[in-house]
N, C-alpha and C. Protein backbone atom coordinates (compact mmCIF):
# COMPACT_ATOMS: atom_id res chain seq x y z
N MET A 1 0.63 19.16 96.70
CA MET A 1 2.00 19.63 96.63
C MET A 1 2.67 19.12 95.36
N PHE A 2 3.41 19.98 94.68
CA PHE A 2 4.08 19.64 93.42
C PHE A 2 5.33 18.81 93.69
N ARG A 3 5.39 17.65 93.03
CA ARG A 3 6.58 16.80 93.16
C ARG A 3 7.47 16.98 91.95
N LYS A 4 8.75 17.13 92.18
CA LYS A 4 9.70 17.28 91.08
C LYS A 4 9.85 15.93 90.36
N ARG A 5 9.84 15.99 89.05
CA ARG A 5 10.00 14.78 88.24
C ARG A 5 11.37 14.19 88.47
N GLN A 6 11.40 12.88 88.72
CA GLN A 6 12.66 12.19 88.99
C GLN A 6 13.36 11.87 87.68
N LYS A 7 14.64 12.21 87.61
CA LYS A 7 15.44 11.90 86.42
C LYS A 7 15.82 10.43 86.47
N ILE A 8 15.65 9.74 85.39
CA ILE A 8 15.97 8.31 85.32
C ILE A 8 17.26 8.18 84.52
N ASP A 9 18.20 7.40 85.04
CA ASP A 9 19.51 7.29 84.39
C ASP A 9 19.42 6.51 83.08
N ASP A 10 20.43 6.72 82.24
CA ASP A 10 20.45 6.12 80.89
C ASP A 10 20.42 4.60 80.93
N ASP A 11 21.15 3.99 81.86
CA ASP A 11 21.18 2.52 81.93
C ASP A 11 19.78 1.96 82.18
N THR A 12 19.02 2.62 83.04
CA THR A 12 17.65 2.18 83.32
C THR A 12 16.78 2.35 82.08
N LEU A 13 16.91 3.49 81.41
CA LEU A 13 16.11 3.73 80.20
C LEU A 13 16.45 2.69 79.12
N VAL A 14 17.73 2.40 78.95
CA VAL A 14 18.14 1.41 77.95
C VAL A 14 17.54 0.05 78.29
N SER A 15 17.58 -0.34 79.56
CA SER A 15 17.00 -1.64 79.93
C SER A 15 15.49 -1.64 79.71
N TRP A 16 14.81 -0.54 80.00
CA TRP A 16 13.37 -0.46 79.75
C TRP A 16 13.06 -0.60 78.26
N ILE A 17 13.86 0.07 77.43
CA ILE A 17 13.64 -0.01 75.97
C ILE A 17 13.81 -1.44 75.50
N ARG A 18 14.81 -2.12 76.01
CA ARG A 18 15.06 -3.51 75.59
C ARG A 18 13.98 -4.46 76.11
N ILE A 19 13.43 -4.19 77.29
CA ILE A 19 12.36 -5.03 77.84
C ILE A 19 11.12 -4.92 76.95
N GLY A 20 10.82 -3.72 76.50
CA GLY A 20 9.68 -3.51 75.62
C GLY A 20 8.39 -3.32 76.39
N GLU A 21 7.28 -3.52 75.69
CA GLU A 21 5.92 -3.39 76.22
C GLU A 21 5.74 -2.10 77.02
N SER A 22 5.20 -2.20 78.24
CA SER A 22 4.88 -0.98 78.99
C SER A 22 6.14 -0.23 79.39
N ARG A 23 7.24 -0.95 79.62
CA ARG A 23 8.49 -0.28 79.98
C ARG A 23 9.03 0.55 78.80
N LEU A 24 8.81 0.07 77.60
CA LEU A 24 9.21 0.85 76.41
C LEU A 24 8.42 2.15 76.38
N ASN A 25 7.14 2.08 76.69
CA ASN A 25 6.31 3.29 76.74
C ASN A 25 6.81 4.26 77.80
N ASP A 26 7.18 3.70 78.97
CA ASP A 26 7.70 4.55 80.06
C ASP A 26 9.00 5.24 79.62
N ALA A 27 9.88 4.48 78.98
CA ALA A 27 11.16 5.04 78.52
C ALA A 27 10.92 6.12 77.46
N THR A 28 10.00 5.85 76.55
CA THR A 28 9.69 6.82 75.49
C THR A 28 9.16 8.11 76.09
N ARG A 29 8.23 7.97 77.02
CA ARG A 29 7.66 9.15 77.69
C ARG A 29 8.77 9.95 78.40
N GLN A 30 9.67 9.24 79.08
CA GLN A 30 10.75 9.91 79.80
C GLN A 30 11.68 10.64 78.83
N LEU A 31 12.01 10.01 77.71
CA LEU A 31 12.89 10.65 76.71
C LEU A 31 12.23 11.91 76.14
N ILE A 32 10.93 11.83 75.89
CA ILE A 32 10.21 13.00 75.36
C ILE A 32 10.22 14.13 76.38
N LEU A 33 9.93 13.81 77.63
CA LEU A 33 9.91 14.84 78.68
C LEU A 33 11.29 15.42 78.92
N GLU A 34 12.29 14.55 78.95
CA GLU A 34 13.64 14.97 79.31
C GLU A 34 14.33 15.75 78.18
N TYR A 35 14.20 15.27 76.94
CA TYR A 35 14.99 15.85 75.84
C TYR A 35 14.17 16.56 74.77
N GLY A 36 12.87 16.26 74.71
CA GLY A 36 12.03 16.84 73.66
C GLY A 36 12.11 18.35 73.54
N PRO A 37 11.85 19.09 74.61
CA PRO A 37 11.84 20.55 74.49
C PRO A 37 13.19 21.12 73.99
N LYS A 38 14.28 20.62 74.53
CA LYS A 38 15.60 21.15 74.17
C LYS A 38 15.95 20.83 72.71
N VAL A 39 15.74 19.57 72.32
CA VAL A 39 16.09 19.16 70.95
C VAL A 39 15.18 19.85 69.94
N LYS A 40 13.87 19.90 70.22
CA LYS A 40 12.94 20.56 69.29
C LYS A 40 13.25 22.05 69.16
N SER A 41 13.61 22.67 70.26
CA SER A 41 13.96 24.10 70.22
C SER A 41 15.20 24.32 69.35
N TYR A 42 16.19 23.47 69.51
CA TYR A 42 17.41 23.57 68.70
C TYR A 42 17.09 23.40 67.22
N LEU A 43 16.28 22.38 66.89
CA LEU A 43 15.93 22.13 65.49
C LEU A 43 15.07 23.25 64.91
N GLU A 44 14.22 23.82 65.75
CA GLU A 44 13.35 24.91 65.28
C GLU A 44 14.18 26.14 64.92
N LYS A 45 15.27 26.36 65.65
CA LYS A 45 16.15 27.48 65.31
C LYS A 45 16.81 27.25 63.94
N LEU A 46 17.11 25.99 63.64
CA LEU A 46 17.71 25.67 62.34
C LEU A 46 16.71 25.83 61.19
N SER A 47 15.49 25.36 61.42
CA SER A 47 14.53 25.27 60.32
C SER A 47 13.51 26.39 60.28
N ASN A 48 13.38 27.14 61.35
CA ASN A 48 12.32 28.15 61.47
C ASN A 48 10.94 27.53 61.26
N SER A 49 10.82 26.25 61.61
CA SER A 49 9.53 25.58 61.45
C SER A 49 9.32 24.62 62.61
N ARG A 50 8.28 24.88 63.37
CA ARG A 50 7.98 24.01 64.50
C ARG A 50 7.60 22.61 64.01
N GLU A 51 6.86 22.55 62.93
CA GLU A 51 6.42 21.27 62.40
C GLU A 51 7.61 20.41 61.96
N GLU A 52 8.55 21.02 61.23
CA GLU A 52 9.73 20.27 60.78
C GLU A 52 10.58 19.82 61.95
N SER A 53 10.71 20.66 62.98
CA SER A 53 11.50 20.28 64.14
C SER A 53 10.84 19.12 64.89
N GLU A 54 9.53 19.14 64.98
CA GLU A 54 8.82 18.04 65.64
C GLU A 54 8.96 16.75 64.84
N ASP A 55 8.82 16.85 63.51
CA ASP A 55 8.99 15.66 62.66
C ASP A 55 10.37 15.05 62.85
N ALA A 56 11.40 15.88 62.79
CA ALA A 56 12.77 15.39 62.93
C ALA A 56 12.99 14.79 64.32
N PHE A 57 12.41 15.41 65.36
CA PHE A 57 12.58 14.88 66.71
C PHE A 57 11.97 13.49 66.83
N TYR A 58 10.72 13.33 66.36
CA TYR A 58 10.06 12.04 66.52
C TYR A 58 10.67 10.96 65.62
N GLU A 59 11.16 11.34 64.45
CA GLU A 59 11.90 10.38 63.63
C GLU A 59 13.17 9.94 64.34
N GLY A 60 13.86 10.92 64.93
CA GLY A 60 15.09 10.62 65.67
C GLY A 60 14.82 9.75 66.88
N LEU A 61 13.74 10.02 67.59
CA LEU A 61 13.37 9.22 68.75
C LEU A 61 13.09 7.78 68.33
N ALA A 62 12.37 7.61 67.23
CA ALA A 62 12.08 6.26 66.72
C ALA A 62 13.38 5.54 66.35
N ALA A 63 14.31 6.27 65.73
CA ALA A 63 15.60 5.67 65.36
C ALA A 63 16.38 5.28 66.61
N LEU A 64 16.37 6.13 67.64
CA LEU A 64 17.06 5.82 68.88
C LEU A 64 16.49 4.54 69.49
N LEU A 65 15.17 4.45 69.58
CA LEU A 65 14.54 3.26 70.16
C LEU A 65 14.92 2.01 69.38
N LEU A 66 14.89 2.12 68.06
CA LEU A 66 15.26 0.99 67.20
C LEU A 66 16.72 0.61 67.42
N ASN A 67 17.60 1.60 67.48
CA ASN A 67 19.03 1.33 67.66
C ASN A 67 19.33 0.69 69.01
N VAL A 68 18.62 1.11 70.05
CA VAL A 68 18.81 0.50 71.37
C VAL A 68 18.32 -0.95 71.33
N ARG A 69 17.16 -1.16 70.72
CA ARG A 69 16.58 -2.52 70.69
C ARG A 69 17.41 -3.49 69.87
N ASN A 70 18.01 -3.00 68.76
CA ASN A 70 18.79 -3.93 67.92
C ASN A 70 20.28 -3.96 68.28
N GLY A 71 20.68 -3.21 69.33
CA GLY A 71 22.06 -3.27 69.81
C GLY A 71 23.03 -2.33 69.12
N THR A 72 22.54 -1.47 68.23
CA THR A 72 23.42 -0.52 67.54
C THR A 72 23.95 0.53 68.51
N TYR A 73 23.11 0.95 69.45
CA TYR A 73 23.54 1.92 70.47
C TYR A 73 24.45 1.20 71.46
N LYS A 74 25.68 1.69 71.59
CA LYS A 74 26.70 1.03 72.43
C LYS A 74 26.92 1.75 73.75
N GLY A 75 26.23 2.85 74.00
CA GLY A 75 26.37 3.56 75.26
C GLY A 75 27.63 4.40 75.36
N GLN A 76 28.25 4.72 74.22
CA GLN A 76 29.48 5.52 74.24
C GLN A 76 29.20 7.00 74.47
N SER A 77 27.94 7.39 74.31
CA SER A 77 27.53 8.76 74.63
C SER A 77 26.21 8.65 75.38
N SER A 78 25.81 9.73 76.02
CA SER A 78 24.54 9.71 76.74
C SER A 78 23.39 9.60 75.74
N LEU A 79 22.25 9.14 76.22
CA LEU A 79 21.07 9.05 75.35
C LEU A 79 20.69 10.42 74.80
N GLY A 80 20.85 11.47 75.62
CA GLY A 80 20.51 12.82 75.17
C GLY A 80 21.40 13.27 74.02
N THR A 81 22.70 13.03 74.14
CA THR A 81 23.65 13.39 73.08
C THR A 81 23.38 12.57 71.83
N TYR A 82 23.13 11.28 72.03
CA TYR A 82 22.86 10.38 70.91
C TYR A 82 21.60 10.80 70.17
N LEU A 83 20.54 11.10 70.92
CA LEU A 83 19.27 11.53 70.33
C LEU A 83 19.44 12.85 69.57
N THR A 84 20.14 13.80 70.17
CA THR A 84 20.36 15.09 69.51
C THR A 84 21.11 14.89 68.20
N SER A 85 22.13 14.04 68.22
CA SER A 85 22.93 13.78 67.02
C SER A 85 22.08 13.16 65.91
N ILE A 86 21.26 12.18 66.27
CA ILE A 86 20.39 11.55 65.28
C ILE A 86 19.42 12.57 64.68
N CYS A 87 18.78 13.35 65.56
CA CYS A 87 17.79 14.34 65.10
C CYS A 87 18.44 15.38 64.19
N LYS A 88 19.64 15.82 64.56
CA LYS A 88 20.35 16.80 63.75
C LYS A 88 20.66 16.21 62.36
N GLY A 89 21.10 14.96 62.32
CA GLY A 89 21.38 14.29 61.05
C GLY A 89 20.15 14.18 60.18
N ILE A 90 19.03 13.83 60.80
CA ILE A 90 17.76 13.72 60.06
C ILE A 90 17.38 15.08 59.49
N TRP A 91 17.49 16.12 60.32
CA TRP A 91 17.11 17.45 59.85
C TRP A 91 18.01 17.89 58.68
N PHE A 92 19.33 17.65 58.79
CA PHE A 92 20.23 18.06 57.71
C PHE A 92 19.94 17.31 56.41
N LYS A 93 19.60 16.03 56.50
CA LYS A 93 19.25 15.28 55.29
C LYS A 93 17.99 15.84 54.65
N LYS A 94 17.00 16.15 55.48
CA LYS A 94 15.77 16.74 54.95
C LYS A 94 16.06 18.11 54.33
N TYR A 95 16.89 18.88 55.00
CA TYR A 95 17.24 20.21 54.50
C TYR A 95 17.95 20.09 53.15
N LYS A 96 18.87 19.14 53.04
CA LYS A 96 19.60 18.94 51.79
C LYS A 96 18.64 18.58 50.65
N ARG A 97 17.72 17.66 50.93
CA ARG A 97 16.73 17.28 49.90
C ARG A 97 15.85 18.47 49.54
N MET A 98 15.47 19.25 50.57
CA MET A 98 14.63 20.42 50.33
C MET A 98 15.35 21.44 49.45
N MET A 99 16.64 21.65 49.68
CA MET A 99 17.41 22.61 48.88
C MET A 99 17.54 22.15 47.43
N VAL A 100 17.73 20.84 47.23
CA VAL A 100 17.80 20.31 45.86
C VAL A 100 16.47 20.56 45.16
N HIS A 101 15.38 20.28 45.86
CA HIS A 101 14.05 20.49 45.27
C HIS A 101 13.80 21.97 45.00
N GLN A 102 14.21 22.81 45.94
CA GLN A 102 14.01 24.26 45.77
C GLN A 102 14.81 24.78 44.57
N LYS A 103 16.04 24.33 44.40
CA LYS A 103 16.86 24.76 43.24
C LYS A 103 16.20 24.31 41.94
N TRP A 104 15.66 23.10 41.95
CA TRP A 104 14.98 22.60 40.75
C TRP A 104 13.77 23.48 40.43
N GLU A 105 12.98 23.81 41.47
CA GLU A 105 11.81 24.67 41.25
C GLU A 105 12.22 26.05 40.74
N GLU A 106 13.29 26.61 41.32
CA GLU A 106 13.75 27.93 40.88
C GLU A 106 14.19 27.91 39.42
N SER A 107 14.88 26.83 39.03
CA SER A 107 15.32 26.75 37.63
C SER A 107 14.11 26.62 36.70
N GLU A 108 13.08 25.91 37.16
CA GLU A 108 11.86 25.78 36.36
C GLU A 108 11.17 27.14 36.20
N MET A 109 11.13 27.90 37.28
CA MET A 109 10.50 29.22 37.24
C MET A 109 11.29 30.15 36.31
N ALA A 110 12.60 30.04 36.35
CA ALA A 110 13.44 30.89 35.50
C ALA A 110 13.22 30.59 34.02
N GLU A 111 12.82 29.36 33.72
CA GLU A 111 12.60 28.98 32.33
C GLU A 111 11.16 29.23 31.89
N GLY A 112 10.44 29.98 32.69
CA GLY A 112 9.08 30.35 32.28
C GLY A 112 8.08 29.24 32.37
N GLN A 113 8.14 28.43 33.43
CA GLN A 113 7.17 27.37 33.69
C GLN A 113 7.17 26.29 32.61
N VAL A 114 8.29 26.07 31.95
CA VAL A 114 8.36 25.01 30.94
C VAL A 114 8.44 23.67 31.64
N ILE A 115 7.74 22.71 31.14
CA ILE A 115 7.69 21.39 31.78
C ILE A 115 9.05 20.71 31.68
N TYR A 116 9.53 20.23 32.81
CA TYR A 116 10.87 19.63 32.94
C TYR A 116 11.09 18.49 31.95
N THR A 117 10.16 17.54 31.87
CA THR A 117 10.39 16.36 31.04
C THR A 117 10.51 16.73 29.56
N GLU A 118 9.86 17.79 29.14
CA GLU A 118 9.95 18.16 27.73
C GLU A 118 11.20 18.97 27.42
N THR A 119 11.75 19.71 28.40
CA THR A 119 12.92 20.53 28.12
C THR A 119 14.22 19.78 28.33
N VAL A 120 14.28 18.95 29.36
CA VAL A 120 15.54 18.29 29.67
C VAL A 120 15.63 16.91 29.05
N LEU A 121 14.58 16.14 29.19
CA LEU A 121 14.61 14.78 28.66
C LEU A 121 13.88 14.72 27.32
N THR A 122 14.62 14.52 26.28
CA THR A 122 13.96 14.34 24.99
C THR A 122 13.22 13.01 25.03
N LYS A 123 12.33 12.82 24.08
CA LYS A 123 11.59 11.55 24.05
C LYS A 123 12.53 10.37 23.92
N GLU A 124 13.57 10.51 23.11
CA GLU A 124 14.52 9.41 22.92
C GLU A 124 15.29 9.12 24.21
N LEU A 125 15.74 10.17 24.87
CA LEU A 125 16.47 9.99 26.11
C LEU A 125 15.58 9.37 27.17
N ARG A 126 14.33 9.82 27.24
CA ARG A 126 13.38 9.27 28.21
C ARG A 126 13.15 7.79 27.92
N HIS A 127 13.01 7.45 26.64
CA HIS A 127 12.80 6.06 26.25
C HIS A 127 14.01 5.21 26.68
N ASN A 128 15.21 5.73 26.45
CA ASN A 128 16.42 4.97 26.80
C ASN A 128 16.60 4.84 28.31
N LEU A 129 16.20 5.86 29.04
CA LEU A 129 16.27 5.79 30.50
C LEU A 129 15.29 4.73 31.01
N GLU A 130 14.10 4.71 30.45
CA GLU A 130 13.13 3.68 30.83
C GLU A 130 13.65 2.29 30.47
N PHE A 131 14.31 2.16 29.33
CA PHE A 131 14.90 0.89 28.90
C PHE A 131 15.93 0.42 29.92
N LEU A 132 16.78 1.35 30.38
CA LEU A 132 17.80 1.00 31.36
C LEU A 132 17.17 0.54 32.67
N LEU A 133 16.22 1.29 33.16
CA LEU A 133 15.60 0.96 34.43
C LEU A 133 14.76 -0.31 34.34
N ASP A 134 14.13 -0.54 33.19
CA ASP A 134 13.36 -1.77 33.02
C ASP A 134 14.26 -3.00 33.03
N GLY A 135 15.54 -2.81 32.71
CA GLY A 135 16.49 -3.92 32.74
C GLY A 135 16.87 -4.33 34.15
N LEU A 136 16.48 -3.53 35.14
CA LEU A 136 16.79 -3.83 36.53
C LEU A 136 15.59 -4.45 37.22
N LYS A 137 15.86 -5.24 38.24
CA LYS A 137 14.77 -5.80 39.04
C LYS A 137 14.16 -4.70 39.89
N ASP A 138 12.93 -4.94 40.35
CA ASP A 138 12.19 -3.95 41.13
C ASP A 138 12.97 -3.46 42.34
N LYS A 139 13.60 -4.38 43.08
CA LYS A 139 14.34 -3.99 44.29
C LYS A 139 15.50 -3.07 43.92
N CYS A 140 16.17 -3.35 42.80
CA CYS A 140 17.28 -2.49 42.37
C CYS A 140 16.77 -1.08 42.05
N ARG A 141 15.64 -1.01 41.35
CA ARG A 141 15.09 0.31 41.02
C ARG A 141 14.76 1.07 42.30
N GLU A 142 14.17 0.37 43.27
CA GLU A 142 13.81 1.03 44.54
C GLU A 142 15.04 1.54 45.27
N VAL A 143 16.06 0.67 45.40
CA VAL A 143 17.28 1.04 46.13
C VAL A 143 17.98 2.21 45.45
N LEU A 144 18.15 2.14 44.14
CA LEU A 144 18.85 3.21 43.43
C LEU A 144 18.07 4.52 43.45
N ASN A 145 16.76 4.42 43.37
CA ASN A 145 15.93 5.63 43.42
C ASN A 145 16.08 6.33 44.78
N LEU A 146 15.98 5.58 45.86
CA LEU A 146 16.12 6.17 47.20
C LEU A 146 17.54 6.71 47.41
N TRP A 147 18.51 5.99 46.94
CA TRP A 147 19.91 6.41 47.05
C TRP A 147 20.11 7.72 46.29
N ALA A 148 19.50 7.83 45.11
CA ALA A 148 19.61 9.05 44.30
C ALA A 148 19.00 10.26 45.01
N TYR A 149 18.02 10.02 45.88
CA TYR A 149 17.40 11.10 46.64
C TYR A 149 18.10 11.34 47.98
N SER A 150 19.33 10.85 48.11
CA SER A 150 20.20 11.09 49.27
C SER A 150 19.74 10.44 50.57
N TYR A 151 18.93 9.39 50.48
CA TYR A 151 18.61 8.66 51.69
C TYR A 151 19.84 7.86 52.10
N SER A 152 20.07 7.72 53.40
CA SER A 152 21.22 6.97 53.89
C SER A 152 20.94 5.47 53.74
N MET A 153 21.99 4.68 53.86
CA MET A 153 21.83 3.23 53.79
C MET A 153 20.94 2.74 54.94
N SER A 154 21.05 3.37 56.11
CA SER A 154 20.21 2.99 57.26
C SER A 154 18.75 3.27 56.97
N GLU A 155 18.47 4.45 56.41
CA GLU A 155 17.09 4.82 56.09
C GLU A 155 16.51 3.86 55.04
N ILE A 156 17.31 3.54 54.03
CA ILE A 156 16.83 2.63 52.97
C ILE A 156 16.57 1.25 53.56
N ALA A 157 17.47 0.80 54.45
CA ALA A 157 17.28 -0.50 55.09
C ALA A 157 15.95 -0.54 55.84
N GLN A 158 15.63 0.53 56.55
CA GLN A 158 14.37 0.58 57.29
C GLN A 158 13.18 0.62 56.34
N MET A 159 13.27 1.46 55.30
CA MET A 159 12.13 1.63 54.39
C MET A 159 11.83 0.36 53.59
N LEU A 160 12.90 -0.35 53.19
CA LEU A 160 12.70 -1.51 52.33
C LEU A 160 12.85 -2.83 53.08
N ALA A 161 12.93 -2.76 54.40
CA ALA A 161 12.98 -3.95 55.27
C ALA A 161 14.20 -4.83 55.01
N TYR A 162 15.36 -4.20 54.81
CA TYR A 162 16.61 -4.95 54.73
C TYR A 162 17.14 -5.12 56.14
N SER A 163 17.96 -6.15 56.36
CA SER A 163 18.41 -6.46 57.71
C SER A 163 19.45 -5.48 58.25
N SER A 164 20.19 -4.80 57.37
CA SER A 164 21.20 -3.85 57.86
C SER A 164 21.60 -2.88 56.74
N PRO A 165 22.23 -1.76 57.12
CA PRO A 165 22.73 -0.81 56.11
C PRO A 165 23.78 -1.45 55.19
N GLN A 166 24.56 -2.38 55.74
CA GLN A 166 25.59 -3.05 54.92
C GLN A 166 24.95 -3.87 53.81
N VAL A 167 23.82 -4.51 54.11
CA VAL A 167 23.10 -5.29 53.09
C VAL A 167 22.63 -4.35 51.98
N VAL A 168 22.15 -3.17 52.37
CA VAL A 168 21.69 -2.18 51.38
C VAL A 168 22.86 -1.72 50.53
N MET A 169 24.02 -1.45 51.18
CA MET A 169 25.22 -1.02 50.44
C MET A 169 25.62 -2.08 49.42
N ASN A 170 25.60 -3.33 49.82
CA ASN A 170 25.94 -4.42 48.90
C ASN A 170 24.95 -4.49 47.74
N LYS A 171 23.66 -4.33 48.07
CA LYS A 171 22.61 -4.36 47.04
C LYS A 171 22.79 -3.21 46.06
N LYS A 172 23.07 -2.00 46.59
CA LYS A 172 23.28 -0.83 45.73
C LYS A 172 24.44 -1.07 44.77
N ASN A 173 25.55 -1.62 45.30
CA ASN A 173 26.71 -1.88 44.46
C ASN A 173 26.41 -2.91 43.38
N LEU A 174 25.67 -3.96 43.73
CA LEU A 174 25.27 -4.96 42.73
C LEU A 174 24.36 -4.35 41.67
N CYS A 175 23.45 -3.49 42.10
CA CYS A 175 22.53 -2.84 41.15
C CYS A 175 23.28 -1.91 40.20
N LEU A 176 24.24 -1.16 40.74
CA LEU A 176 25.05 -0.30 39.88
C LEU A 176 25.87 -1.12 38.89
N LYS A 177 26.35 -2.26 39.35
CA LYS A 177 27.10 -3.16 38.46
C LYS A 177 26.20 -3.65 37.32
N GLU A 178 24.96 -4.02 37.67
CA GLU A 178 24.00 -4.46 36.65
C GLU A 178 23.71 -3.32 35.65
N LEU A 179 23.56 -2.11 36.18
CA LEU A 179 23.28 -0.94 35.34
C LEU A 179 24.45 -0.70 34.38
N ARG A 180 25.68 -0.81 34.90
CA ARG A 180 26.87 -0.64 34.04
C ARG A 180 26.92 -1.71 32.95
N LYS A 181 26.54 -2.94 33.30
CA LYS A 181 26.53 -4.03 32.31
C LYS A 181 25.52 -3.74 31.21
N ILE A 182 24.33 -3.26 31.60
CA ILE A 182 23.31 -2.91 30.60
C ILE A 182 23.86 -1.82 29.68
N LEU A 183 24.53 -0.82 30.25
CA LEU A 183 25.12 0.25 29.43
C LEU A 183 26.21 -0.29 28.52
N ALA A 184 27.04 -1.20 29.05
CA ALA A 184 28.13 -1.78 28.24
C ALA A 184 27.57 -2.60 27.08
N ASP A 185 26.45 -3.28 27.32
CA ASP A 185 25.83 -4.10 26.28
C ASP A 185 25.06 -3.26 25.26
N ASN A 186 24.84 -1.98 25.57
CA ASN A 186 24.08 -1.09 24.68
C ASN A 186 24.83 0.22 24.50
N PRO A 187 25.95 0.20 23.73
CA PRO A 187 26.79 1.39 23.61
C PRO A 187 26.06 2.61 23.05
N LYS A 188 25.09 2.41 22.18
CA LYS A 188 24.35 3.56 21.63
C LYS A 188 23.55 4.27 22.73
N VAL A 189 23.00 3.49 23.64
CA VAL A 189 22.27 4.06 24.77
C VAL A 189 23.25 4.78 25.68
N ALA A 190 24.40 4.16 25.92
CA ALA A 190 25.41 4.73 26.82
C ALA A 190 25.89 6.10 26.32
N GLU A 191 25.99 6.28 24.99
CA GLU A 191 26.44 7.55 24.41
C GLU A 191 25.51 8.71 24.80
N LEU A 192 24.22 8.42 24.94
CA LEU A 192 23.25 9.46 25.28
C LEU A 192 23.44 10.00 26.69
N PHE A 193 24.09 9.22 27.56
CA PHE A 193 24.26 9.61 28.96
C PHE A 193 25.64 10.19 29.24
N ASP A 194 26.49 10.31 28.23
CA ASP A 194 27.82 10.89 28.41
C ASP A 194 27.75 12.39 28.51
């Protein structure tokens, strides 16, 4: 005889996620069963791609689990609403990056397959850009590069193992300050970027 799957309330799921180990697996399985089909279907309508919708869902699920474990999730909305919101945000960020890349490709095609670095960046400009970036520490280059590609402070914190998005924001601001100082100390280089 077929038994109907029992719905588990959010408070129980949150406690299971915080306990970890096998309970974390149980909570993850329940979230996938309960919200996966609906959220993935919604994202698939946005992207027309099952693969992209699945990627965004599982990234969102991982973010939800992380947020519950580190206390960022405050329970002000249901887990389903929270998960949907995270997944939607992830999909929109990916879409935005995809559109930027697509516009760049279209402009390249319009110019007859001319190589980007030779048409836009002259050798002198490229040299000066490398000079500027070499003046920064590795972590600054990483943070600014990810920030330039529209990654959020939370995403950068996770990717580069910073303790919080605020720490990343502070690091980004310090790196930009260093970059401005390098430009101020090299006015001839700064003129090329005006």
